[in-house]
Amino acid sequence: MTPASTFKGKRVALFGLGGSGLATAESLKAGGAQVIAWDDGEAARRKASDNGLFVSDLASADWTTFDALILAPGVPLTHPEPHWTVKQARAANIEIIGDIEIFARERAALAPDAPLVAITGTNGKSTTTALIAHLLTIAGRDVHMGGNIGIAALSLEPPGRNSFGESRVHVLEVSTFQIDLAPSLAPTIGLLLNITPDHIDRHGTFENYAAIKERLIDRSGTAVVAVDDDTTRGVVARMREKGKPVIEVSARLRLENGVYADGPTAIFARQGRILPVANIGGIGSLLGAHNAQNVAAAVACVSLLGVDAATIQMGLRSFPGLAHRMEEIGRLGRTLFINDSKATNAESTRWALEAFASGVFWILGGKPKEGGIASLKHLFPRVEKAYLIGAASDEFAATLSAAQVPFERSETLEHAVEHAAIDAVGAKAKQPVVLLSPACASYDQFPNFEVRGRRFRDLCLALPDFAPTPKELK
C-alpha cells in the first residue's frame, strides 16, 4: 500500500466504494487523514464499514469542513451531469480529485524522480501496460503495475527504493476518467496509443475526450505517441510546437524517427537509419496487427528505461498475453477459438477482425456504443457468419442484413458458442475462427467484460473434444 501521507490531518469526503474506492480510503486512513466515506449501494457501504472505515451519508454532511472530495473514477464529473457530490464540492469550493492524483502527490513528495510510465488510449492500453511491465520484469526491474488494470494504484508499494536500494518502477494504465481527476499527474514517460470516439456520454464531446487524453502527454517528461490516427498526429504536432520530447511509434507508417512495425519486426529509426529490435512472428499472445502497434509502443518505452534489444526479444517470447484480449482458448479440430471480450467498441473489434483473412464465425452484441458496427463494413467479407447476442441484436441485424452478411439471433452466449462451433466444422477456410469480439459493453447480460470472457472460455472448454491451448503457448 501507498499511505497518503500528503493528506495527513486533512478531512476528506470520499464517494464510491468499489475496488479502487476502498483502496483509496485505506490509503488515506493509513496516511493520517480523516475519511468520511459513502456509496449509493448498501452492500458497498457495509463492506467498507466491516473494513473499519467511517461510513456516513454525505448528503447531510457539512461540506465546508472538508478539504477535498475524493471521487471514484466511475462517478460522473461533468456529463451527462455532475454527480450530486461534485455539485456539493464545487459549492464549498474544495478540490475534486481521484486516487491517481493522490498517488501522483505521494510520488512528488517521496521520490519525484522515481520511474513512472503512464499509458492511455482508447484501445490496446491494457495489453501494452501488461507488456511493458513484463519486459521490465524480465530486465530485472522492481516493477509495480496497476491503475485501470489489476491492482488499484494506491494498493501498490509507494514510489521510491526497495530494501535492496533499487528504484521501484510503476507502470499505470490510466483512463480518461482517472486523468480528469489527476491534475498533477506527471509521469516520466506518458504513452498515448490512439484516440477514437468512446465514452462520449461521460465527456460530452469527442473533443473533450481527446483533450483529456492529450493532457497526460502534455505533462509527461517524455511522450511516446502512436501516430496511426489523425487525432494523435495532431497531438504530436502540438507537443513539438511546445518543444516537448516526443517519440513517435506506428504499426502502419515507416517513420524517419521513432519505432515502427515492419510486418512482425519492430524497428528503431533515427534520421532514416534503421535498427531491427524485436520480432513477434509466431508469438500467439501477440496475434494481430493491433499488437504490432502495442509492441512498437512498449519497445519505445522500455528502451527509454534502458532495456536492451536481446532482453526485449526474450520478454516478447515469454509474454503470456492478456486475458480477454485476443486470448487463444484452444481448438476444436481445425477451428480456433478466440476470446476478445475486452473489445467493447467497434474500433477495438476492428483489430480482431483484421487479424483473420477469412472464415470468421463472429459472436457479437451486448450494450451498443454510439455508431454500432457500421465502421466495420469493409471487414464483413471476412465473416462467414455472425451470431448476435444481447441488446444490440436489432441494430446489428439491420447493419449485417444490409451488407448481406449471414447471421442468426442467438440471444445468449451459450447458444452462440454452440451454433458457431457446429457451423465452423463445415467451413471452407483452412483455419476457421470462432471469435468472441462483441463491439459492445457487457452490462445488459454480464456484470463486466471479464465475466463475459470467462463464460465464453468455460463454454469452449465444455465442448466435446475441445483441445485447450497450453498456457505457455498463449
Protein backbone atom coordinates (compact mmCIF):
# COMPACT_ATOMS: atom_id res chain seq x y z
CA MET A 1 0.00 0.00 0.00
CA THR A 2 0.97 3.62 -0.56
CA PRO A 3 -0.16 5.59 2.53
CA ALA A 4 -1.49 9.01 1.57
CA SER A 5 0.89 10.94 3.79
CA THR A 6 0.25 14.17 1.88
CA PHE A 7 -3.29 14.15 3.35
CA LYS A 8 -2.21 13.78 6.96
CA GLY A 9 -4.53 15.75 9.24
CA LYS A 10 -6.99 16.55 6.45
CA ARG A 11 -10.69 15.80 6.48
CA VAL A 12 -11.91 14.35 3.19
CA ALA A 13 -15.17 13.17 1.71
CA LEU A 14 -14.90 10.01 -0.37
CA PHE A 15 -17.63 8.83 -2.71
CA GLY A 16 -17.59 5.43 -4.43
CA LEU A 17 -16.59 2.31 -2.51
CA GLY A 18 -15.77 -0.15 -5.26
CA GLY A 19 -12.31 -1.70 -5.53
CA SER A 20 -10.32 1.48 -6.10
CA GLY A 21 -12.54 3.43 -3.67
CA LEU A 22 -11.85 1.03 -0.84
CA ALA A 23 -8.13 1.06 -1.62
CA THR A 24 -8.16 4.86 -1.63
CA ALA A 25 -9.97 5.03 1.69
CA GLU A 26 -7.47 2.64 3.27
CA SER A 27 -4.56 4.66 1.87
CA LEU A 28 -5.97 7.93 3.22
CA LYS A 29 -6.63 6.39 6.60
CA ALA A 30 -3.11 4.94 6.74
CA GLY A 31 -1.71 8.37 5.85
CA GLY A 32 -3.46 10.08 8.74
CA ALA A 33 -6.48 11.60 7.01
CA GLN A 34 -9.99 11.64 8.45
CA VAL A 35 -12.17 9.91 5.84
CA ILE A 36 -15.94 10.17 5.64
CA ALA A 37 -16.99 7.61 3.03
CA TRP A 38 -20.24 6.96 1.22
CA ASP A 39 -21.67 4.94 -1.66
CA ASP A 40 -25.16 4.62 -3.12
CA GLY A 41 -25.02 0.85 -2.70
CA GLU A 42 -25.83 -0.68 0.66
CA ALA A 43 -23.57 -3.70 0.08
CA ALA A 44 -20.59 -1.44 -0.68
CA ARG A 45 -21.26 0.64 2.44
CA ARG A 46 -21.49 -2.49 4.58
CA LYS A 47 -18.21 -3.86 3.22
CA ALA A 48 -16.45 -0.57 3.89
CA SER A 49 -17.83 -0.42 7.42
CA ASP A 50 -16.74 -4.01 8.04
CA ASN A 51 -13.24 -2.95 6.97
CA GLY A 52 -13.18 -0.33 9.70
CA LEU A 53 -13.97 2.73 7.60
CA PHE A 54 -16.23 5.51 8.83
CA VAL A 55 -19.31 5.48 6.61
CA SER A 56 -21.75 8.38 6.79
CA ASP A 57 -24.31 9.87 4.40
CA LEU A 58 -22.54 12.75 2.65
CA ALA A 59 -25.88 14.24 1.64
CA SER A 60 -26.34 15.50 5.20
CA ALA A 61 -22.68 16.46 5.79
CA ASP A 62 -21.32 19.97 6.31
CA TRP A 63 -19.17 20.31 3.19
CA THR A 64 -17.41 23.41 4.48
CA THR A 65 -15.49 21.13 6.86
CA PHE A 66 -13.93 19.08 4.05
CA ASP A 67 -10.56 19.73 2.43
CA ALA A 68 -11.30 17.62 -0.65
CA LEU A 69 -13.75 15.29 -2.38
CA ILE A 70 -12.15 12.04 -3.48
CA LEU A 71 -14.27 10.69 -6.32
CA ALA A 72 -14.23 7.17 -7.73
CA PRO A 73 -13.46 7.29 -11.48
CA GLY A 74 -16.78 5.71 -12.41
CA VAL A 75 -18.77 8.61 -10.94
CA PRO A 76 -19.77 11.38 -13.41
CA LEU A 77 -17.64 14.51 -13.06
CA THR A 78 -19.17 16.59 -15.86
CA HIS A 79 -21.56 14.56 -18.07
CA PRO A 80 -24.33 13.69 -18.52
CA GLU A 81 -24.42 15.97 -15.48
CA PRO A 82 -22.14 16.36 -12.46
CA HIS A 83 -22.84 13.92 -9.64
CA TRP A 84 -24.53 15.49 -6.62
CA THR A 85 -21.33 15.18 -4.58
CA VAL A 86 -19.48 17.12 -7.29
CA LYS A 87 -22.05 19.91 -7.04
CA GLN A 88 -21.66 19.99 -3.26
CA ALA A 89 -17.87 20.12 -3.51
CA ARG A 90 -17.94 22.94 -6.05
CA ALA A 91 -20.37 24.92 -3.94
CA ALA A 92 -17.98 24.53 -0.98
CA ASN A 93 -15.00 25.45 -3.21
CA ILE A 94 -13.00 22.31 -2.41
CA GLU A 95 -10.90 20.31 -4.82
CA ILE A 96 -12.24 17.19 -6.55
CA ILE A 97 -9.62 14.53 -7.25
CA GLY A 98 -9.17 10.77 -7.60
CA ASP A 99 -6.81 8.02 -6.49
CA ILE A 100 -4.29 8.61 -9.30
CA GLU A 101 -3.88 12.22 -8.15
CA ILE A 102 -3.16 11.04 -4.60
CA PHE A 103 -0.56 8.63 -5.98
CA ALA A 104 0.98 11.45 -8.05
CA ARG A 105 1.26 13.66 -4.96
CA GLU A 106 2.91 10.88 -2.96
CA ARG A 107 5.45 10.39 -5.76
CA ALA A 108 6.15 14.13 -5.87
CA ALA A 109 6.66 14.19 -2.10
CA LEU A 110 8.59 10.94 -1.64
CA ALA A 111 10.54 10.28 -4.83
CA PRO A 112 9.87 12.73 -7.69
CA ASP A 113 12.46 11.02 -9.89
CA ALA A 114 11.03 7.53 -9.38
CA PRO A 115 10.30 5.97 -12.80
CA LEU A 116 6.61 6.16 -13.68
CA VAL A 117 5.13 5.05 -17.01
CA ALA A 118 1.50 6.04 -17.60
CA ILE A 119 -0.38 4.51 -20.52
CA THR A 120 -3.61 5.72 -22.07
CA GLY A 121 -5.56 5.30 -25.31
CA THR A 122 -8.99 4.22 -26.44
CA ASN A 123 -7.85 0.69 -27.27
CA GLY A 124 -4.85 -1.51 -26.52
CA LYS A 125 -3.77 0.16 -23.29
CA SER A 126 -4.24 -2.90 -21.05
CA THR A 127 -2.18 -5.19 -23.29
CA THR A 128 0.51 -2.55 -23.68
CA THR A 129 0.60 -1.85 -19.95
CA ALA A 130 0.97 -5.56 -19.18
CA LEU A 131 3.62 -5.94 -21.88
CA ILE A 132 5.70 -3.00 -20.62
CA ALA A 133 5.55 -4.37 -17.07
CA HIS A 134 6.53 -7.84 -18.30
CA LEU A 135 9.50 -6.59 -20.33
CA LEU A 136 10.77 -4.54 -17.38
CA THR A 137 10.37 -7.55 -15.08
CA ILE A 138 12.36 -9.72 -17.49
CA ALA A 139 15.03 -6.99 -17.39
CA GLY A 140 15.26 -7.45 -13.63
CA ARG A 141 13.49 -4.26 -12.55
CA ASP A 142 11.30 -3.99 -9.46
CA VAL A 143 8.01 -3.41 -11.29
CA HIS A 144 4.61 -2.47 -9.84
CA MET A 145 1.69 -2.47 -12.28
CA GLY A 146 -1.81 -1.19 -11.66
CA GLY A 147 -4.24 1.67 -12.06
CA ASN A 148 -7.03 0.92 -14.51
CA ILE A 149 -5.70 -2.63 -14.83
CA GLY A 150 -5.48 -5.12 -11.99
CA ILE A 151 -4.45 -3.51 -8.70
CA ALA A 152 -5.57 -0.02 -7.67
CA ALA A 153 -2.65 2.43 -7.79
CA LEU A 154 -2.73 3.14 -4.05
CA SER A 155 -2.59 -0.58 -3.25
CA LEU A 156 0.87 -0.71 -4.84
CA GLU A 157 4.10 -0.17 -2.96
CA PRO A 158 4.99 3.54 -2.73
CA PRO A 159 7.36 5.26 -5.16
CA GLY A 160 10.98 5.14 -4.02
CA ARG A 161 13.54 2.40 -3.45
CA ASN A 162 13.10 -1.15 -2.23
CA SER A 163 15.10 -2.83 0.53
CA PHE A 164 17.90 -3.59 -1.98
CA GLY A 165 18.25 0.08 -2.88
CA GLU A 166 16.67 -0.41 -6.31
CA SER A 167 14.17 2.11 -7.69
CA ARG A 168 10.63 0.82 -7.93
CA VAL A 169 9.20 1.29 -11.42
CA HIS A 170 5.46 1.96 -11.55
CA VAL A 171 3.53 1.17 -14.71
CA LEU A 172 -0.01 2.54 -14.61
CA GLU A 173 -2.85 2.23 -17.08
CA VAL A 174 -4.95 5.37 -16.82
CA SER A 175 -8.38 6.06 -18.28
CA THR A 176 -9.82 9.46 -19.18
CA PHE A 177 -11.93 9.24 -16.02
CA GLN A 178 -8.75 8.93 -13.96
CA ILE A 179 -6.77 11.58 -15.86
CA ASP A 180 -9.63 14.03 -15.42
CA LEU A 181 -9.28 13.63 -11.65
CA ALA A 182 -5.46 13.82 -11.58
CA PRO A 183 -4.35 17.41 -12.30
CA SER A 184 -0.75 16.93 -11.16
CA LEU A 185 -0.03 13.55 -12.76
CA ALA A 186 3.36 13.99 -14.47
CA PRO A 187 4.87 10.61 -15.42
CA THR A 188 8.42 10.02 -16.52
CA ILE A 189 7.02 8.57 -19.73
CA GLY A 190 3.49 9.18 -20.95
CA LEU A 191 2.22 6.83 -23.66
CA LEU A 192 -0.75 7.57 -25.93
CA LEU A 193 -1.81 4.72 -28.22
CA ASN A 194 -4.84 6.03 -30.10
CA ILE A 195 -7.92 8.21 -29.79
CA THR A 196 -11.22 7.15 -31.30
CA PRO A 197 -14.77 8.04 -30.18
CA ASP A 198 -15.63 6.45 -26.83
CA HIS A 199 -17.25 7.47 -23.54
CA ILE A 200 -18.89 10.48 -25.19
CA ASP A 201 -21.73 10.13 -22.68
CA ARG A 202 -19.20 10.86 -19.92
CA HIS A 203 -17.26 13.66 -21.64
CA GLY A 204 -19.91 15.40 -23.73
CA THR A 205 -17.97 15.61 -27.00
CA PHE A 206 -15.18 13.77 -28.76
CA GLU A 207 -13.08 16.93 -28.50
CA ASN A 208 -13.38 16.91 -24.70
CA TYR A 209 -12.49 13.21 -24.58
CA ALA A 210 -9.43 13.72 -26.79
CA ALA A 211 -8.28 16.76 -24.81
CA ILE A 212 -8.18 14.72 -21.60
CA LYS A 213 -6.00 12.08 -23.28
CA GLU A 214 -3.70 14.83 -24.55
CA ARG A 215 -3.41 16.27 -21.05
CA LEU A 216 -1.42 13.21 -19.94
CA ILE A 217 1.05 13.64 -22.80
CA ASP A 218 1.44 17.36 -22.15
CA ARG A 219 2.50 16.70 -18.55
CA SER A 220 4.92 13.82 -19.28
CA GLY A 221 8.70 14.10 -19.12
CA THR A 222 8.96 12.24 -22.43
CA ALA A 223 5.95 11.48 -24.60
CA VAL A 224 5.55 8.29 -26.64
CA VAL A 225 2.69 8.66 -29.12
CA ALA A 226 1.36 6.26 -31.74
CA VAL A 227 0.65 8.27 -34.88
CA ASP A 228 -1.74 5.91 -36.66
CA ASP A 229 -4.76 8.20 -36.43
CA ASP A 230 -5.31 11.86 -37.30
CA THR A 231 -6.08 12.88 -33.74
CA THR A 232 -2.83 11.56 -32.27
CA ARG A 233 -0.84 13.12 -35.12
CA GLY A 234 -2.37 16.42 -34.08
CA VAL A 235 -1.23 15.79 -30.51
CA VAL A 236 2.34 15.22 -31.70
CA ALA A 237 2.31 18.44 -33.73
CA ARG A 238 1.19 20.46 -30.71
CA MET A 239 3.76 18.82 -28.42
CA ARG A 240 6.56 19.59 -30.88
CA GLU A 241 5.45 23.23 -31.03
CA LYS A 242 5.95 23.32 -27.25
CA GLY A 243 9.39 21.71 -27.54
CA LYS A 244 8.37 18.59 -25.64
CA PRO A 245 10.41 15.40 -26.31
CA VAL A 246 8.23 13.05 -28.37
CA ILE A 247 8.95 9.58 -29.72
CA GLU A 248 6.57 8.51 -32.47
CA VAL A 249 5.50 4.89 -32.92
CA SER A 250 3.43 3.27 -35.65
CA ALA A 251 2.05 -0.02 -36.91
CA ARG A 252 1.32 1.46 -40.35
CA LEU A 253 3.87 4.13 -41.21
CA ARG A 254 7.58 3.93 -41.95
CA LEU A 255 8.97 6.60 -39.67
CA GLU A 256 12.13 8.61 -40.19
CA ASN A 257 12.48 8.82 -36.42
CA GLY A 258 10.74 6.55 -33.94
CA VAL A 259 9.70 2.93 -33.62
CA TYR A 260 7.56 1.27 -36.23
CA ALA A 261 6.39 -2.19 -37.23
CA ASP A 262 7.59 -3.67 -40.50
CA GLY A 263 5.45 -6.78 -40.63
CA PRO A 264 6.32 -8.71 -37.46
CA THR A 265 9.51 -6.73 -36.83
CA ALA A 266 9.80 -3.70 -34.55
CA ILE A 267 12.32 -1.25 -35.99
CA PHE A 268 14.06 1.75 -34.46
CA ALA A 269 14.55 4.57 -36.94
CA ARG A 270 16.81 7.53 -36.31
CA GLN A 271 17.29 10.07 -39.09
CA GLY A 272 16.47 7.37 -41.63
CA ARG A 273 18.87 4.78 -40.19
CA ILE A 274 17.07 1.61 -39.12
CA LEU A 275 17.81 -0.94 -36.43
CA PRO A 276 15.63 -4.07 -36.06
CA VAL A 277 14.90 -4.51 -32.36
CA ALA A 278 12.46 -7.38 -31.96
CA ASN A 279 10.28 -9.83 -33.88
CA ILE A 280 6.81 -11.05 -32.85
CA GLY A 281 6.38 -13.60 -35.64
CA GLY A 282 4.83 -16.81 -34.30
CA ILE A 283 4.07 -15.39 -30.84
CA GLY A 284 0.46 -16.40 -30.21
CA SER A 285 -0.06 -13.93 -27.36
CA LEU A 286 0.73 -11.04 -29.72
CA LEU A 287 -1.50 -12.05 -32.61
CA GLY A 288 -2.99 -9.33 -34.83
CA ALA A 289 -1.98 -6.03 -36.39
CA HIS A 290 -3.04 -4.09 -33.30
CA ASN A 291 -0.32 -5.87 -31.33
CA ALA A 292 2.28 -4.55 -33.76
CA GLN A 293 1.38 -1.08 -32.51
CA ASN A 294 1.34 -2.28 -28.89
CA VAL A 295 4.78 -3.84 -29.29
CA ALA A 296 6.25 -0.77 -31.00
CA ALA A 297 4.96 1.40 -28.17
CA ALA A 298 6.23 -0.95 -25.47
CA VAL A 299 9.64 -1.21 -27.15
CA ALA A 300 9.94 2.57 -27.22
CA CYS A 301 9.04 2.90 -23.54
CA VAL A 302 11.30 0.20 -22.14
CA SER A 303 14.19 1.30 -24.37
CA LEU A 304 13.93 4.74 -22.79
CA LEU A 305 14.35 2.97 -19.44
CA GLY A 306 17.50 1.18 -20.61
CA VAL A 307 16.26 -2.28 -21.62
CA ASP A 308 18.39 -3.78 -24.42
CA ALA A 309 17.16 -5.49 -27.61
CA ALA A 310 18.09 -9.03 -26.54
CA THR A 311 16.11 -8.71 -23.31
CA ILE A 312 13.16 -7.23 -25.20
CA GLN A 313 13.07 -10.18 -27.59
CA MET A 314 13.27 -12.66 -24.72
CA GLY A 315 10.46 -10.83 -22.95
CA LEU A 316 8.20 -10.78 -26.01
CA ARG A 317 8.53 -14.53 -26.46
CA SER A 318 7.62 -15.20 -22.83
CA PHE A 319 4.72 -12.72 -22.70
CA PRO A 320 1.61 -14.67 -21.61
CA GLY A 321 -0.84 -12.22 -23.13
CA LEU A 322 -3.83 -10.56 -21.58
CA ALA A 323 -6.96 -12.42 -20.62
CA HIS A 324 -9.98 -11.48 -22.76
CA ARG A 325 -7.91 -9.66 -25.39
CA MET A 326 -7.29 -11.87 -28.44
CA GLU A 327 -6.86 -14.71 -25.97
CA GLU A 328 -6.39 -18.07 -27.66
CA ILE A 329 -8.63 -20.53 -25.80
CA GLY A 330 -7.97 -23.63 -27.89
CA ARG A 331 -9.11 -25.63 -30.89
CA LEU A 332 -11.86 -27.96 -31.95
CA GLY A 333 -10.45 -29.80 -34.93
CA ARG A 334 -9.35 -27.12 -37.39
CA THR A 335 -11.29 -24.37 -35.63
CA LEU A 336 -9.51 -21.80 -33.44
CA PHE A 337 -11.47 -20.18 -30.58
CA ILE A 338 -10.52 -16.61 -29.60
CA ASN A 339 -11.75 -14.68 -26.56
CA ASP A 340 -11.74 -10.96 -27.32
CA SER A 341 -14.37 -10.00 -24.75
CA LYS A 342 -12.42 -6.83 -23.91
CA ALA A 343 -13.42 -5.43 -27.32
CA THR A 344 -16.19 -3.20 -26.03
CA ASN A 345 -16.36 -0.89 -29.07
CA ALA A 346 -16.15 -1.21 -32.85
CA GLU A 347 -12.63 0.17 -33.12
CA SER A 348 -11.32 -2.50 -30.77
CA THR A 349 -13.17 -5.22 -32.69
CA ARG A 350 -11.67 -3.90 -35.93
CA TRP A 351 -8.26 -5.06 -34.79
CA ALA A 352 -9.62 -8.55 -34.11
CA LEU A 353 -11.32 -8.90 -37.49
CA GLU A 354 -8.21 -7.64 -39.26
CA ALA A 355 -6.23 -10.49 -37.69
CA PHE A 356 -8.10 -13.12 -39.76
CA ALA A 357 -8.42 -13.02 -43.54
CA SER A 358 -11.48 -15.28 -43.78
CA GLY A 359 -13.54 -17.97 -42.09
CA VAL A 360 -14.61 -15.89 -39.09
CA PHE A 361 -17.63 -17.04 -37.09
CA TRP A 362 -18.22 -13.82 -35.19
CA ILE A 363 -20.05 -13.60 -31.85
CA LEU A 364 -21.03 -10.02 -31.09
CA GLY A 365 -23.51 -7.87 -29.24
CA GLY A 366 -24.33 -6.50 -25.83
CA LYS A 367 -24.97 -2.92 -24.82
CA PRO A 368 -24.10 -0.98 -28.01
CA LYS A 369 -21.87 2.06 -28.30
CA GLU A 370 -22.63 5.06 -30.49
CA GLY A 371 -22.20 4.23 -34.19
CA GLY A 372 -22.67 0.49 -33.72
CA ILE A 373 -20.65 -1.64 -36.15
CA ALA A 374 -21.16 0.43 -39.31
CA SER A 375 -17.45 1.36 -39.36
CA LEU A 376 -16.55 -2.34 -39.75
CA LYS A 377 -18.36 -2.89 -43.08
CA HIS A 378 -15.11 -3.14 -45.04
CA LEU A 379 -14.22 -6.19 -42.90
CA PHE A 380 -17.55 -8.00 -43.28
CA PRO A 381 -16.27 -10.14 -46.22
CA ARG A 382 -14.04 -11.92 -43.69
CA VAL A 383 -17.09 -13.00 -41.70
CA GLU A 384 -18.65 -16.32 -42.69
CA LYS A 385 -21.49 -15.93 -40.20
CA ALA A 386 -22.38 -13.71 -37.25
CA TYR A 387 -24.13 -14.64 -34.02
CA LEU A 388 -25.98 -11.84 -32.26
CA ILE A 389 -26.47 -11.64 -28.51
CA GLY A 390 -27.88 -9.05 -26.15
CA ALA A 391 -29.48 -5.65 -26.53
CA ALA A 392 -27.70 -4.70 -29.75
CA SER A 393 -29.28 -7.52 -31.76
CA ASP A 394 -31.86 -5.43 -33.63
CA GLU A 395 -29.40 -2.68 -34.56
CA PHE A 396 -26.65 -5.09 -35.59
CA ALA A 397 -29.08 -7.33 -37.51
CA ALA A 398 -30.08 -4.34 -39.65
CA THR A 399 -26.43 -3.47 -40.40
CA LEU A 400 -25.48 -7.07 -41.25
CA SER A 401 -28.61 -7.66 -43.32
CA ALA A 402 -27.94 -4.56 -45.43
CA ALA A 403 -24.41 -5.85 -46.06
CA GLN A 404 -25.71 -9.37 -46.86
CA VAL A 405 -23.71 -10.98 -44.05
CA PRO A 406 -25.29 -14.27 -42.87
CA PHE A 407 -26.31 -14.06 -39.21
CA GLU A 408 -28.54 -15.55 -36.58
CA ARG A 409 -30.10 -14.10 -33.46
CA SER A 410 -28.53 -16.38 -30.86
CA GLU A 411 -29.77 -14.22 -27.97
CA THR A 412 -27.40 -15.81 -25.44
CA LEU A 413 -23.69 -16.55 -25.42
CA GLU A 414 -24.49 -20.21 -24.73
CA HIS A 415 -26.45 -20.58 -27.97
CA ALA A 416 -23.90 -18.54 -29.92
CA VAL A 417 -20.93 -20.72 -28.94
CA GLU A 418 -22.84 -23.94 -29.58
CA HIS A 419 -24.07 -22.88 -33.02
CA ALA A 420 -20.80 -21.27 -34.11
CA ALA A 421 -18.84 -24.40 -33.19
CA ILE A 422 -21.21 -26.56 -35.28
CA ASP A 423 -21.15 -24.21 -38.27
CA ALA A 424 -17.36 -23.86 -38.26
CA VAL A 425 -16.96 -27.62 -38.87
CA GLY A 426 -18.11 -27.20 -42.47
CA ALA A 427 -16.15 -24.01 -43.20
CA LYS A 428 -14.01 -23.83 -46.34
CA ALA A 429 -11.28 -21.80 -44.64
CA LYS A 430 -8.07 -23.61 -43.76
CA GLN A 431 -8.42 -22.40 -40.17
CA PRO A 432 -11.94 -21.31 -39.20
CA VAL A 433 -12.13 -18.98 -36.21
CA VAL A 434 -14.88 -18.68 -33.62
CA LEU A 435 -14.32 -15.14 -32.43
CA LEU A 436 -15.99 -13.51 -29.45
CA SER A 437 -15.39 -9.81 -30.14
CA PRO A 438 -18.61 -8.12 -29.04
CA ALA A 439 -18.00 -4.47 -30.07
CA CYS A 440 -20.27 -3.70 -27.10
CA ALA A 441 -20.27 -3.21 -23.38
CA SER A 442 -21.37 -6.25 -21.40
CA TYR A 443 -23.78 -4.68 -18.94
CA ASP A 444 -27.01 -5.93 -20.47
CA GLN A 445 -26.18 -9.59 -19.74
CA PHE A 446 -22.95 -9.65 -17.71
CA PRO A 447 -21.51 -7.54 -14.86
CA ASN A 448 -18.36 -6.79 -16.88
CA PHE A 449 -16.32 -7.98 -19.84
CA GLU A 450 -14.24 -10.27 -17.61
CA VAL A 451 -17.29 -12.29 -16.57
CA ARG A 452 -18.40 -12.43 -20.20
CA GLY A 453 -14.98 -13.65 -21.30
CA ARG A 454 -14.76 -16.27 -18.56
CA ARG A 455 -18.19 -17.57 -19.55
CA PHE A 456 -17.05 -17.87 -23.17
CA ARG A 457 -13.93 -19.73 -22.05
CA ASP A 458 -15.96 -22.15 -19.93
CA LEU A 459 -18.37 -22.82 -22.79
CA CYS A 460 -15.49 -23.55 -25.15
CA LEU A 461 -13.79 -25.91 -22.70
CA ALA A 462 -17.09 -27.79 -22.27
CA LEU A 463 -17.34 -28.61 -25.99
CA PRO A 464 -16.73 -32.33 -26.73
CA ASP A 465 -13.18 -33.00 -27.96
CA PHE A 466 -12.10 -29.40 -27.37
CA ALA A 467 -8.31 -29.06 -27.02
CA PRO A 468 -7.25 -26.11 -24.78
CA THR A 469 -4.17 -24.14 -25.76
CA PRO A 470 -1.38 -24.84 -23.26
CA LYS A 471 -0.75 -21.76 -21.12
CA GLU A 472 2.88 -21.50 -22.14
CA LEU A 473 1.86 -21.22 -25.80
CA LYS A 474 -0.74 -18.49 -25.36
